[in-house]
Amino acid sequence: MSSKDNQKAWTDDHTHELLRAIVRITLQNRPTIYATSILQEVNNNGGDRINKKIQQLLKKLCESQVGSQDIVGEEVKKIGKSRNENTGTPSPKKQNDEEEDED
């Protein structure tokens, strides 16, 4: 039996996960993309224009595969959530006016 006989057939699930990996890797490496010399011309607003274009292109790529349309949004949320969890610095809590009057 040849090695081709032992291989599984490529399925939509494989394509879906491949797209997810491409999106995740691209989003995680945005700083490298921002540093590209020609993109410095449009890297204002903290790279927001480039970030929006990256997400737009990734969404177009994912729209080509049924069931993969929401991957970009899901991965953006995951990255944002993991950043918030890793900061370790909680947001300051608002003090009541009564507490301020005691001083």
PDB file of N, CA and C in Angstrom:
ATOM      1  N   MET A   1       0.825  -1.179   0.000  1.00  0.00           N
ATOM      2  CA  MET A   1       0.000   0.000   0.000  1.00  0.00           C
ATOM      3  C   MET A   1       0.874   1.249   0.000  1.00  0.00           C
ATOM      4  N   SER A   2       0.576   2.198  -0.852  1.00  0.00           N
ATOM      5  CA  SER A   2       1.372   3.425  -0.910  1.00  0.00           C
ATOM      6  C   SER A   2       0.929   4.405   0.170  1.00  0.00           C
ATOM      7  N   SER A   3       1.766   5.416   0.413  1.00  0.00           N
ATOM      8  CA  SER A   3       1.438   6.403   1.440  1.00  0.00           C
ATOM      9  C   SER A   3       0.210   7.222   1.056  1.00  0.00           C
ATOM     10  N   LYS A   4      -0.088   7.317  -0.232  1.00  0.00           N
ATOM     11  CA  LYS A   4      -1.281   8.042  -0.663  1.00  0.00           C
ATOM     12  C   LYS A   4      -2.549   7.340  -0.198  1.00  0.00           C
ATOM     13  N   ASP A   5      -2.514   6.037  -0.116  1.00  0.00           N
ATOM     14  CA  ASP A   5      -3.683   5.282   0.320  1.00  0.00           C
ATOM     15  C   ASP A   5      -3.992   5.529   1.793  1.00  0.00           C
ATOM     16  N   ASN A   6      -2.992   5.872   2.584  1.00  0.00           N
ATOM     17  CA  ASN A   6      -3.178   6.087   4.012  1.00  0.00           C
ATOM     18  C   ASN A   6      -3.579   7.523   4.352  1.00  0.00           C
ATOM     19  N   GLN A   7      -3.514   8.413   3.393  1.00  0.00           N
ATOM     20  CA  GLN A   7      -3.817   9.814   3.660  1.00  0.00           C
ATOM     21  C   GLN A   7      -5.318  10.048   3.716  1.00  0.00           C
ATOM     22  N   LYS A   8      -5.706  10.925   4.648  1.00  0.00           N
ATOM     23  CA  LYS A   8      -7.110  11.306   4.728  1.00  0.00           C
ATOM     24  C   LYS A   8      -7.418  12.310   3.635  1.00  0.00           C
ATOM     25  N   ALA A   9      -8.647  12.329   3.223  1.00  0.00           N
ATOM     26  CA  ALA A   9      -9.082  13.309   2.224  1.00  0.00           C
ATOM     27  C   ALA A   9      -9.181  14.688   2.871  1.00  0.00           C
ATOM     28  N   TRP A  10      -8.863  15.714   2.098  1.00  0.00           N
ATOM     29  CA  TRP A  10      -8.961  17.097   2.572  1.00  0.00           C
ATOM     30  C   TRP A  10     -10.441  17.454   2.663  1.00  0.00           C
ATOM     31  N   THR A  11     -10.855  18.018   3.799  1.00  0.00           N
ATOM     32  CA  THR A  11     -12.264  18.365   3.995  1.00  0.00           C
ATOM     33  C   THR A  11     -12.418  19.862   4.229  1.00  0.00           C
ATOM     34  N   ASP A  12     -13.668  20.306   4.263  1.00  0.00           N
ATOM     35  CA  ASP A  12     -13.954  21.708   4.564  1.00  0.00           C
ATOM     36  C   ASP A  12     -13.473  22.082   5.965  1.00  0.00           C
ATOM     37  N   ASP A  13     -13.486  21.130   6.887  1.00  0.00           N
ATOM     38  CA  ASP A  13     -12.979  21.396   8.242  1.00  0.00           C
ATOM     39  C   ASP A  13     -11.492  21.739   8.209  1.00  0.00           C
ATOM     40  N   HIS A  14     -10.746  21.050   7.376  1.00  0.00           N
ATOM     41  CA  HIS A  14      -9.317  21.345   7.247  1.00  0.00           C
ATOM     42  C   HIS A  14      -9.112  22.745   6.673  1.00  0.00           C
ATOM     43  N   THR A  15      -9.887  23.075   5.655  1.00  0.00           N
ATOM     44  CA  THR A  15      -9.788  24.406   5.047  1.00  0.00           C
ATOM     45  C   THR A  15     -10.159  25.483   6.055  1.00  0.00           C
ATOM     46  N   HIS A  16     -11.209  25.236   6.817  1.00  0.00           N
ATOM     47  CA  HIS A  16     -11.662  26.181   7.845  1.00  0.00           C
ATOM     48  C   HIS A  16     -10.552  26.436   8.870  1.00  0.00           C
ATOM     49  N   GLU A  17      -9.927  25.382   9.347  1.00  0.00           N
ATOM     50  CA  GLU A  17      -8.859  25.536  10.345  1.00  0.00           C
ATOM     51  C   GLU A  17      -7.607  26.167   9.747  1.00  0.00           C
ATOM     52  N   LEU A  18      -7.337  25.890   8.480  1.00  0.00           N
ATOM     53  CA  LEU A  18      -6.211  26.534   7.808  1.00  0.00           C
ATOM     54  C   LEU A  18      -6.447  28.041   7.703  1.00  0.00           C
ATOM     55  N   LEU A  19      -7.655  28.429   7.329  1.00  0.00           N
ATOM     56  CA  LEU A  19      -7.999  29.852   7.280  1.00  0.00           C
ATOM     57  C   LEU A  19      -7.863  30.494   8.658  1.00  0.00           C
ATOM     58  N   ARG A  20      -8.338  29.801   9.688  1.00  0.00           N
ATOM     59  CA  ARG A  20      -8.238  30.329  11.055  1.00  0.00           C
ATOM     60  C   ARG A  20      -6.772  30.546  11.433  1.00  0.00           C
ATOM     61  N   ALA A  21      -5.915  29.611  11.080  1.00  0.00           N
ATOM     62  CA  ALA A  21      -4.486  29.741  11.389  1.00  0.00           C
ATOM     63  C   ALA A  21      -3.869  30.921  10.639  1.00  0.00           C
ATOM     64  N   ILE A  22      -4.235  31.091   9.377  1.00  0.00           N
ATOM     65  CA  ILE A  22      -3.723  32.221   8.591  1.00  0.00           C
ATOM     66  C   ILE A  22      -4.158  33.538   9.218  1.00  0.00           C
ATOM     67  N   VAL A  23      -5.421  33.629   9.604  1.00  0.00           N
ATOM     68  CA  VAL A  23      -5.943  34.850  10.229  1.00  0.00           C
ATOM     69  C   VAL A  23      -5.228  35.113  11.544  1.00  0.00           C
ATOM     70  N   ARG A  24      -5.119  34.095  12.388  1.00  0.00           N
ATOM     71  CA  ARG A  24      -4.493  34.257  13.705  1.00  0.00           C
ATOM     72  C   ARG A  24      -3.037  34.708  13.572  1.00  0.00           C
ATOM     73  N   ILE A  25      -2.292  34.059  12.717  1.00  0.00           N
ATOM     74  CA  ILE A  25      -0.876  34.399  12.540  1.00  0.00           C
ATOM     75  C   ILE A  25      -0.731  35.819  11.987  1.00  0.00           C
ATOM     76  N   THR A  26      -1.576  36.170  11.037  1.00  0.00           N
ATOM     77  CA  THR A  26      -1.514  37.520  10.465  1.00  0.00           C
ATOM     78  C   THR A  26      -1.834  38.568  11.523  1.00  0.00           C
ATOM     79  N   LEU A  27      -2.890  38.355  12.291  1.00  0.00           N
ATOM     80  CA  LEU A  27      -3.266  39.330  13.319  1.00  0.00           C
ATOM     81  C   LEU A  27      -2.203  39.440  14.406  1.00  0.00           C
ATOM     82  N   GLN A  28      -1.605  38.332  14.780  1.00  0.00           N
ATOM     83  CA  GLN A  28      -0.573  38.361  15.813  1.00  0.00           C
ATOM     84  C   GLN A  28       0.697  39.055  15.344  1.00  0.00           C
ATOM     85  N   ASN A  29       0.900  39.121  14.049  1.00  0.00           N
ATOM     86  CA  ASN A  29       2.126  39.707  13.503  1.00  0.00           C
ATOM     87  C   ASN A  29       1.896  41.070  12.861  1.00  0.00           C
ATOM     88  N   ARG A  30       0.837  41.752  13.260  1.00  0.00           N
ATOM     89  CA  ARG A  30       0.568  43.077  12.703  1.00  0.00           C
ATOM     90  C   ARG A  30       1.717  44.057  12.916  1.00  0.00           C
ATOM     91  N   PRO A  31       2.390  44.072  14.069  1.00  0.00           N
ATOM     92  CA  PRO A  31       3.512  45.016  14.220  1.00  0.00           C
ATOM     93  C   PRO A  31       4.581  44.850  13.138  1.00  0.00           C
ATOM     94  N   THR A  32       4.826  43.633  12.731  1.00  0.00           N
ATOM     95  CA  THR A  32       5.793  43.388  11.661  1.00  0.00           C
ATOM     96  C   THR A  32       5.291  43.974  10.341  1.00  0.00           C
ATOM     97  N   ILE A  33       4.008  43.831  10.103  1.00  0.00           N
ATOM     98  CA  ILE A  33       3.418  44.384   8.880  1.00  0.00           C
ATOM     99  C   ILE A  33       3.481  45.907   8.913  1.00  0.00           C
ATOM    100  N   TYR A  34       3.159  46.509  10.067  1.00  0.00           N
ATOM    101  CA  TYR A  34       3.197  47.974  10.195  1.00  0.00           C
ATOM    102  C   TYR A  34       4.591  48.519   9.899  1.00  0.00           C
ATOM    103  N   ALA A  35       5.617  47.754  10.212  1.00  0.00           N
ATOM    104  CA  ALA A  35       7.003  48.211  10.048  1.00  0.00           C
ATOM    105  C   ALA A  35       7.484  48.175   8.597  1.00  0.00           C
ATOM    106  N   THR A  36       6.703  47.595   7.704  1.00  0.00           N
ATOM    107  CA  THR A  36       7.078  47.557   6.292  1.00  0.00           C
ATOM    108  C   THR A  36       7.243  48.985   5.784  1.00  0.00           C
ATOM    109  N   SER A  37       8.359  49.261   5.127  1.00  0.00           N
ATOM    110  CA  SER A  37       8.717  50.642   4.776  1.00  0.00           C
ATOM    111  C   SER A  37       7.650  51.370   3.957  1.00  0.00           C
ATOM    112  N   ILE A  38       7.096  50.759   2.949  1.00  0.00           N
ATOM    113  CA  ILE A  38       6.106  51.444   2.115  1.00  0.00           C
ATOM    114  C   ILE A  38       4.832  51.743   2.900  1.00  0.00           C
ATOM    115  N   LEU A  39       4.519  50.924   3.905  1.00  0.00           N
ATOM    116  CA  LEU A  39       3.308  51.151   4.698  1.00  0.00           C
ATOM    117  C   LEU A  39       3.476  52.284   5.707  1.00  0.00           C
ATOM    118  N   GLN A  40       4.706  52.723   5.933  1.00  0.00           N
ATOM    119  CA  GLN A  40       4.934  53.853   6.837  1.00  0.00           C
ATOM    120  C   GLN A  40       4.206  55.100   6.335  1.00  0.00           C
ATOM    121  N   GLU A  41       3.998  55.194   5.032  1.00  0.00           N
ATOM    122  CA  GLU A  41       3.298  56.338   4.444  1.00  0.00           C
ATOM    123  C   GLU A  41       1.850  56.437   4.914  1.00  0.00           C
ATOM    124  N   VAL A  42       1.255  55.309   5.285  1.00  0.00           N
ATOM    125  CA  VAL A  42      -0.157  55.289   5.693  1.00  0.00           C
ATOM    126  C   VAL A  42      -0.324  54.806   7.133  1.00  0.00           C
ATOM    127  N   ASN A  43       0.739  54.853   7.907  1.00  0.00           N
ATOM    128  CA  ASN A  43       0.725  54.324   9.273  1.00  0.00           C
ATOM    129  C   ASN A  43       0.393  55.413  10.292  1.00  0.00           C
ATOM    130  N   ASN A  44      -0.632  56.209  10.004  1.00  0.00           N
ATOM    131  CA  ASN A  44      -1.056  57.196  10.988  1.00  0.00           C
ATOM    132  C   ASN A  44      -2.175  56.610  11.845  1.00  0.00           C
ATOM    133  N   ASN A  45      -2.601  57.342  12.846  1.00  0.00           N
ATOM    134  CA  ASN A  45      -3.622  56.866  13.792  1.00  0.00           C
ATOM    135  C   ASN A  45      -3.197  55.566  14.466  1.00  0.00           C
ATOM    136  N   GLY A  46      -1.932  55.453  14.798  1.00  0.00           N
ATOM    137  CA  GLY A  46      -1.445  54.263  15.490  1.00  0.00           C
ATOM    138  C   GLY A  46      -1.560  52.992  14.671  1.00  0.00           C
ATOM    139  N   GLY A  47      -1.549  53.107  13.375  1.00  0.00           N
ATOM    140  CA  GLY A  47      -1.652  51.925  12.518  1.00  0.00           C
ATOM    141  C   GLY A  47      -3.077  51.485  12.266  1.00  0.00           C
ATOM    142  N   ASP A  48      -4.052  52.296  12.678  1.00  0.00           N
ATOM    143  CA  ASP A  48      -5.455  51.911  12.547  1.00  0.00           C
ATOM    144  C   ASP A  48      -5.858  51.680  11.092  1.00  0.00           C
ATOM    145  N   ARG A  49      -5.367  52.508  10.184  1.00  0.00           N
ATOM    146  CA  ARG A  49      -5.714  52.333   8.767  1.00  0.00           C
ATOM    147  C   ARG A  49      -5.199  51.002   8.247  1.00  0.00           C
ATOM    148  N   ILE A  50      -3.986  50.661   8.622  1.00  0.00           N
ATOM    149  CA  ILE A  50      -3.408  49.389   8.176  1.00  0.00           C
ATOM    150  C   ILE A  50      -4.171  48.230   8.805  1.00  0.00           C
ATOM    151  N   ASN A  51      -4.484  48.339  10.088  1.00  0.00           N
ATOM    152  CA  ASN A  51      -5.223  47.295  10.784  1.00  0.00           C
ATOM    153  C   ASN A  51      -6.572  47.045  10.111  1.00  0.00           C
ATOM    154  N   LYS A  52      -7.281  48.108   9.778  1.00  0.00           N
ATOM    155  CA  LYS A  52      -8.582  47.951   9.123  1.00  0.00           C
ATOM    156  C   LYS A  52      -8.434  47.291   7.752  1.00  0.00           C
ATOM    157  N   LYS A  53      -7.393  47.657   7.025  1.00  0.00           N
ATOM    158  CA  LYS A  53      -7.163  47.059   5.700  1.00  0.00           C
ATOM    159  C   LYS A  53      -6.804  45.578   5.835  1.00  0.00           C
ATOM    160  N   ILE A  54      -5.982  45.247   6.834  1.00  0.00           N
ATOM    161  CA  ILE A  54      -5.635  43.840   7.079  1.00  0.00           C
ATOM    162  C   ILE A  54      -6.900  43.038   7.338  1.00  0.00           C
ATOM    163  N   GLN A  55      -7.753  43.547   8.237  1.00  0.00           N
ATOM    164  CA  GLN A  55      -8.984  42.832   8.565  1.00  0.00           C
ATOM    165  C   GLN A  55      -9.910  42.729   7.356  1.00  0.00           C
ATOM    166  N   GLN A  56      -9.976  43.786   6.550  1.00  0.00           N
ATOM    167  CA  GLN A  56     -10.806  43.761   5.346  1.00  0.00           C
ATOM    168  C   GLN A  56     -10.333  42.668   4.382  1.00  0.00           C
ATOM    169  N   LEU A  57      -9.034  42.593   4.165  1.00  0.00           N
ATOM    170  CA  LEU A  57      -8.487  41.580   3.257  1.00  0.00           C
ATOM    171  C   LEU A  57      -8.692  40.167   3.805  1.00  0.00           C
ATOM    172  N   LEU A  58      -8.499  39.998   5.107  1.00  0.00           N
ATOM    173  CA  LEU A  58      -8.708  38.680   5.709  1.00  0.00           C
ATOM    174  C   LEU A  58     -10.174  38.260   5.612  1.00  0.00           C
ATOM    175  N   LYS A  59     -11.084  39.207   5.814  1.00  0.00           N
ATOM    176  CA  LYS A  59     -12.515  38.891   5.696  1.00  0.00           C
ATOM    177  C   LYS A  59     -12.860  38.454   4.277  1.00  0.00           C
ATOM    178  N   LYS A  60     -12.292  39.136   3.279  1.00  0.00           N
ATOM    179  CA  LYS A  60     -12.534  38.739   1.883  1.00  0.00           C
ATOM    180  C   LYS A  60     -12.030  37.323   1.633  1.00  0.00           C
ATOM    181  N   LEU A  61     -10.877  37.005   2.180  1.00  0.00           N
ATOM    182  CA  LEU A  61     -10.328  35.659   2.033  1.00  0.00           C
ATOM    183  C   LEU A  61     -11.262  34.634   2.672  1.00  0.00           C
ATOM    184  N   CYS A  62     -11.733  34.921   3.871  1.00  0.00           N
ATOM    185  CA  CYS A  62     -12.585  33.966   4.592  1.00  0.00           C
ATOM    186  C   CYS A  62     -13.969  33.834   3.967  1.00  0.00           C
ATOM    187  N   GLU A  63     -14.460  34.889   3.336  1.00  0.00           N
ATOM    188  CA  GLU A  63     -15.775  34.824   2.692  1.00  0.00           C
ATOM    189  C   GLU A  63     -15.806  33.817   1.550  1.00  0.00           C
ATOM    190  N   SER A  64     -14.655  33.478   1.036  1.00  0.00           N
ATOM    191  CA  SER A  64     -14.595  32.525  -0.076  1.00  0.00           C
ATOM    192  C   SER A  64     -14.905  31.097   0.366  1.00  0.00           C
ATOM    193  N   GLN A  65     -14.901  30.842   1.659  1.00  0.00           N
ATOM    194  CA  GLN A  65     -15.141  29.498   2.174  1.00  0.00           C
ATOM    195  C   GLN A  65     -16.397  29.494   3.041  1.00  0.00           C
ATOM    196  N   VAL A  66     -17.387  28.714   2.673  1.00  0.00           N
ATOM    197  CA  VAL A  66     -18.633  28.623   3.429  1.00  0.00           C
ATOM    198  C   VAL A  66     -18.340  28.205   4.869  1.00  0.00           C
ATOM    199  N   GLY A  67     -18.941  28.907   5.813  1.00  0.00           N
ATOM    200  CA  GLY A  67     -18.769  28.587   7.227  1.00  0.00           C
ATOM    201  C   GLY A  67     -17.575  29.256   7.871  1.00  0.00           C
ATOM    202  N   SER A  68     -16.832  30.043   7.106  1.00  0.00           N
ATOM    203  CA  SER A  68     -15.625  30.680   7.641  1.00  0.00           C
ATOM    204  C   SER A  68     -15.743  32.202   7.709  1.00  0.00           C
ATOM    205  N   GLN A  69     -16.923  32.728   7.453  1.00  0.00           N
ATOM    206  CA  GLN A  69     -17.105  34.167   7.358  1.00  0.00           C
ATOM    207  C   GLN A  69     -16.836  34.912   8.667  1.00  0.00           C
ATOM    208  N   ASP A  70     -17.023  34.276   9.804  1.00  0.00           N
ATOM    209  CA  ASP A  70     -16.880  34.954  11.096  1.00  0.00           C
ATOM    210  C   ASP A  70     -15.509  34.772  11.734  1.00  0.00           C
ATOM    211  N   ILE A  71     -14.602  34.121  11.071  1.00  0.00           N
ATOM    212  CA  ILE A  71     -13.294  33.811  11.662  1.00  0.00           C
ATOM    213  C   ILE A  71     -12.550  35.067  12.093  1.00  0.00           C
ATOM    214  N   VAL A  72     -12.517  36.096  11.262  1.00  0.00           N
ATOM    215  CA  VAL A  72     -11.737  37.295  11.583  1.00  0.00           C
ATOM    216  C   VAL A  72     -12.263  37.936  12.864  1.00  0.00           C
ATOM    217  N   GLY A  73     -13.562  38.135  12.949  1.00  0.00           N
ATOM    218  CA  GLY A  73     -14.148  38.724  14.154  1.00  0.00           C
ATOM    219  C   GLY A  73     -13.869  37.897  15.393  1.00  0.00           C
ATOM    220  N   GLU A  74     -13.982  36.587  15.271  1.00  0.00           N
ATOM    221  CA  GLU A  74     -13.714  35.695  16.405  1.00  0.00           C
ATOM    222  C   GLU A  74     -12.266  35.808  16.866  1.00  0.00           C
ATOM    223  N   GLU A  75     -11.341  35.824  15.929  1.00  0.00           N
ATOM    224  CA  GLU A  75      -9.920  35.886  16.290  1.00  0.00           C
ATOM    225  C   GLU A  75      -9.538  37.255  16.851  1.00  0.00           C
ATOM    226  N   VAL A  76     -10.129  38.322  16.330  1.00  0.00           N
ATOM    227  CA  VAL A  76      -9.870  39.664  16.877  1.00  0.00           C
ATOM    228  C   VAL A  76     -10.329  39.711  18.331  1.00  0.00           C
ATOM    229  N   LYS A  77     -11.500  39.153  18.616  1.00  0.00           N
ATOM    230  CA  LYS A  77     -12.008  39.123  19.995  1.00  0.00           C
ATOM    231  C   LYS A  77     -11.093  38.307  20.898  1.00  0.00           C
ATOM    232  N   LYS A  78     -10.624  37.163  20.412  1.00  0.00           N
ATOM    233  CA  LYS A  78      -9.724  36.323  21.213  1.00  0.00           C
ATOM    234  C   LYS A  78      -8.440  37.060  21.553  1.00  0.00           C
ATOM    235  N   ILE A  79      -7.874  37.756  20.571  1.00  0.00           N
ATOM    236  CA  ILE A  79      -6.625  38.484  20.800  1.00  0.00           C
ATOM    237  C   ILE A  79      -6.856  39.612  21.789  1.00  0.00           C
ATOM    238  N   GLY A  80      -7.956  40.345  21.634  1.00  0.00           N
ATOM    239  CA  GLY A  80      -8.277  41.419  22.565  1.00  0.00           C
ATOM    240  C   GLY A  80      -8.514  40.905  23.965  1.00  0.00           C
ATOM    241  N   LYS A  81      -9.210  39.783  24.083  1.00  0.00           N
ATOM    242  CA  LYS A  81      -9.496  39.194  25.388  1.00  0.00           C
ATOM    243  C   LYS A  81      -8.210  38.723  26.055  1.00  0.00           C
ATOM    244  N   SER A  82      -7.329  38.076  25.314  1.00  0.00           N
ATOM    245  CA  SER A  82      -6.091  37.571  25.910  1.00  0.00           C
ATOM    246  C   SER A  82      -5.180  38.723  26.320  1.00  0.00           C
ATOM    247  N   ARG A  83      -5.194  39.822  25.584  1.00  0.00           N
ATOM    248  CA  ARG A  83      -4.389  40.984  25.978  1.00  0.00           C
ATOM    249  C   ARG A  83      -4.892  41.558  27.292  1.00  0.00           C
ATOM    250  N   ASN A  84      -6.208  41.661  27.447  1.00  0.00           N
ATOM    251  CA  ASN A  84      -6.776  42.195  28.681  1.00  0.00           C
ATOM    252  C   ASN A  84      -6.476  41.293  29.866  1.00  0.00           C
ATOM    253  N   GLU A  85      -6.494  39.991  29.662  1.00  0.00           N
ATOM    254  CA  GLU A  85      -6.213  39.050  30.743  1.00  0.00           C
ATOM    255  C   GLU A  85      -4.746  39.074  31.139  1.00  0.00           C
ATOM    256  N   ASN A  86      -3.854  39.377  30.213  1.00  0.00           N
ATOM    257  CA  ASN A  86      -2.423  39.331  30.478  1.00  0.00           C
ATOM    258  C   ASN A  86      -1.851  40.630  31.034  1.00  0.00           C
ATOM    259  N   THR A  87      -2.634  41.699  31.074  1.00  0.00           N
ATOM    260  CA  THR A  87      -2.079  42.966  31.525  1.00  0.00           C
ATOM    261  C   THR A  87      -1.779  42.947  33.011  1.00  0.00           C
ATOM    262  N   GLY A  88      -2.628  42.309  33.800  1.00  0.00           N
ATOM    263  CA  GLY A  88      -2.386  42.226  35.237  1.00  0.00           C
ATOM    264  C   GLY A  88      -2.656  43.517  35.981  1.00  0.00           C
ATOM    265  N   THR A  89      -3.001  44.572  35.293  1.00  0.00           N
ATOM    266  CA  THR A  89      -3.291  45.839  35.936  1.00  0.00           C
ATOM    267  C   THR A  89      -4.777  46.116  35.800  1.00  0.00           C
ATOM    268  N   PRO A  90      -5.508  46.038  36.910  1.00  0.00           N
ATOM    269  CA  PRO A  90      -6.943  46.279  36.827  1.00  0.00           C
ATOM    270  C   PRO A  90      -7.238  47.763  36.608  1.00  0.00           C
ATOM    271  N   SER A  91      -8.380  48.040  36.035  1.00  0.00           N
ATOM    272  CA  SER A  91      -8.794  49.427  35.853  1.00  0.00           C
ATOM    273  C   SER A  91      -9.104  50.036  37.214  1.00  0.00           C
ATOM    274  N   PRO A  92      -8.786  51.320  37.396  1.00  0.00           N
ATOM    275  CA  PRO A  92      -9.096  51.945  38.683  1.00  0.00           C
ATOM    276  C   PRO A  92     -10.600  52.022  38.877  1.00  0.00           C
ATOM    277  N   LYS A  93     -11.017  51.837  40.110  1.00  0.00           N
ATOM    278  CA  LYS A  93     -12.437  51.885  40.420  1.00  0.00           C
ATOM    279  C   LYS A  93     -12.812  53.312  40.791  1.00  0.00           C
ATOM    280  N   LYS A  94     -13.998  53.713  40.386  1.00  0.00           N
ATOM    281  CA  LYS A  94     -14.482  55.051  40.687  1.00  0.00           C
ATOM    282  C   LYS A  94     -14.855  55.110  42.161  1.00  0.00           C
ATOM    283  N   GLN A  95     -14.414  56.169  42.830  1.00  0.00           N
ATOM    284  CA  GLN A  95     -14.730  56.331  44.244  1.00  0.00           C
ATOM    285  C   GLN A  95     -16.037  57.088  44.391  1.00  0.00           C
ATOM    286  N   ASN A  96     -16.774  56.739  45.438  1.00  0.00           N
ATOM    287  CA  ASN A  96     -18.013  57.449  45.728  1.00  0.00           C
ATOM    288  C   ASN A  96     -17.699  58.830  46.270  1.00  0.00           C
ATOM    289  N   ASP A  97     -18.618  59.768  46.087  1.00  0.00           N
ATOM    290  CA  ASP A  97     -18.443  61.120  46.605  1.00  0.00           C
ATOM    291  C   ASP A  97     -18.344  61.116  48.125  1.00  0.00           C
ATOM    292  N   GLU A  98     -19.046  60.189  48.793  1.00  0.00           N
ATOM    293  CA  GLU A  98     -19.028  60.113  50.253  1.00  0.00           C
ATOM    294  C   GLU A  98     -17.628  59.809  50.765  1.00  0.00           C
ATOM    295  N   GLU A  99     -16.909  58.928  50.084  1.00  0.00           N
ATOM    296  CA  GLU A  99     -15.552  58.581  50.495  1.00  0.00           C
ATOM    297  C   GLU A  99     -14.636  59.783  50.381  1.00  0.00           C
ATOM    298  N   GLU A 100     -14.833  60.628  49.372  1.00  0.00           N
ATOM    299  CA  GLU A 100     -13.999  61.803  49.182  1.00  0.00           C
ATOM    300  C   GLU A 100     -14.269  62.841  50.254  1.00  0.00           C
ATOM    301  N   ASP A 101     -15.521  62.940  50.746  1.00  0.00           N
ATOM    302  CA  ASP A 101     -15.877  63.917  51.770  1.00  0.00           C
ATOM    303  C   ASP A 101     -15.244  63.591  53.111  1.00  0.00           C
ATOM    304  N   GLU A 102     -14.927  62.317  53.376  1.00  0.00           N
ATOM    305  CA  GLU A 102     -14.345  61.905  54.645  1.00  0.00           C
ATOM    306  C   GLU A 102     -12.930  62.407  54.814  1.00  0.00           C
ATOM    307  N   ASP A 103     -12.219  62.733  53.736  1.00  0.00           N
ATOM    308  CA  ASP A 103     -10.825  63.170  53.807  1.00  0.00           C
ATOM    309  C   ASP A 103     -10.683  64.495  54.394  1.00  0.00           C
TER     310      ASP A 103
END
